[in-house]
């Protein structure tokens, strides 16, 4: 069985120390610049819930990107069903 790499993307938190804020950004493939959301959070606003929700949205987007680019009738390893 061929060992193929899995989907790769990046979830990034950009900090602005002067304003005490952060923004989340994502890149759905390697070697591209991340796209940051317009929403900026004050550092004291960041909670476990915000981090969890942001991570969950990123993972769902990554799965959708991989699913859309996979040929019909193949598994995640590229083998036919």
Protein backbone atom coordinates (compact mmCIF):
# COMPACT_ATOMS: atom_id res chain seq x y z
CA UNK A 1 0.00 0.00 0.00
CA UNK A 2 1.38 3.41 -0.97
CA UNK A 3 1.93 5.86 1.91
CA UNK A 4 0.27 9.09 0.76
CA UNK A 5 0.40 12.27 2.86
CA UNK A 6 -2.87 13.41 4.38
CA UNK A 7 -4.47 16.79 3.96
CA UNK A 8 -2.42 19.70 5.22
CA UNK A 9 -3.53 23.17 6.18
CA UNK A 10 -2.65 25.78 8.77
CA UNK A 11 -4.63 27.52 11.47
CA UNK A 12 -2.82 30.63 12.68
CA UNK A 13 -3.38 33.15 15.44
CA UNK A 14 -1.89 36.59 14.67
CA UNK A 15 -1.18 38.65 17.77
CA UNK A 16 -1.04 42.43 17.92
CA UNK A 17 0.75 43.21 21.17
CA UNK A 18 0.18 46.97 20.89
CA UNK A 19 -3.59 46.63 20.59
CA UNK A 20 -3.74 43.48 22.76
CA UNK A 21 -5.76 41.69 20.07
CA UNK A 22 -5.56 38.59 17.91
CA UNK A 23 -7.07 37.35 14.66
CA UNK A 24 -7.41 33.83 13.38
CA UNK A 25 -6.35 32.88 9.87
CA UNK A 26 -6.24 29.73 7.83
CA UNK A 27 -4.51 28.32 4.80
CA UNK A 28 -6.14 25.26 3.28
CA UNK A 29 -3.06 24.06 1.42
CA UNK A 30 0.66 24.25 1.97
CA UNK A 31 2.78 27.11 0.66
CA UNK A 32 0.03 29.74 0.49
CA UNK A 33 -0.50 32.81 2.62
CA UNK A 34 -3.20 32.45 5.27
CA UNK A 35 -6.46 34.37 5.00
CA UNK A 36 -7.39 36.11 8.24
CA UNK A 37 -10.92 36.76 9.45
CA UNK A 38 -12.08 40.33 9.91
CA UNK A 39 -13.04 39.51 13.51
CA UNK A 40 -10.42 40.68 15.96
CA UNK A 41 -10.56 39.48 19.56
CA UNK A 42 -9.22 41.26 22.60
CA UNK A 43 -6.78 38.90 24.30
CA UNK A 44 -8.90 38.77 27.43
CA UNK A 45 -11.89 37.67 25.28
CA UNK A 46 -10.25 34.48 24.04
CA UNK A 47 -11.86 31.54 25.79
CA UNK A 48 -11.64 27.80 25.38
CA UNK A 49 -15.00 27.96 23.57
CA UNK A 50 -13.72 30.46 20.97
CA UNK A 51 -10.57 28.42 20.39
CA UNK A 52 -12.59 25.18 20.11
CA UNK A 53 -15.16 26.70 17.70
CA UNK A 54 -12.43 28.22 15.51
CA UNK A 55 -10.52 24.92 15.38
CA UNK A 56 -13.68 22.97 14.60
CA UNK A 57 -14.58 25.32 11.71
CA UNK A 58 -11.04 25.00 10.33
CA UNK A 59 -11.14 21.20 10.43
CA UNK A 60 -14.56 21.06 8.76
CA UNK A 61 -13.32 23.41 6.01
CA UNK A 62 -10.19 21.26 5.55
CA UNK A 63 -12.29 18.09 5.27
CA UNK A 64 -14.59 19.76 2.74
CA UNK A 65 -11.60 20.92 0.69
CA UNK A 66 -10.14 17.42 0.60
CA UNK A 67 -13.51 15.83 -0.20
CA UNK A 68 -14.12 18.25 -3.08
CA UNK A 69 -10.74 17.51 -4.65
CA UNK A 70 -10.89 13.70 -4.29
CA UNK A 71 -11.94 11.78 -7.40
CA UNK A 72 -15.33 10.09 -7.12
CA UNK A 73 -15.17 6.45 -6.05
CA UNK A 74 -11.92 6.60 -4.12
CA UNK A 75 -11.03 6.29 -0.47
CA UNK A 76 -8.71 8.60 1.45
CA UNK A 77 -5.73 6.51 0.29
CA UNK A 78 -6.70 6.80 -3.37
CA UNK A 79 -7.85 3.17 -3.68
CA UNK A 80 -11.12 2.43 -5.41
CA UNK A 81 -13.98 1.24 -3.25
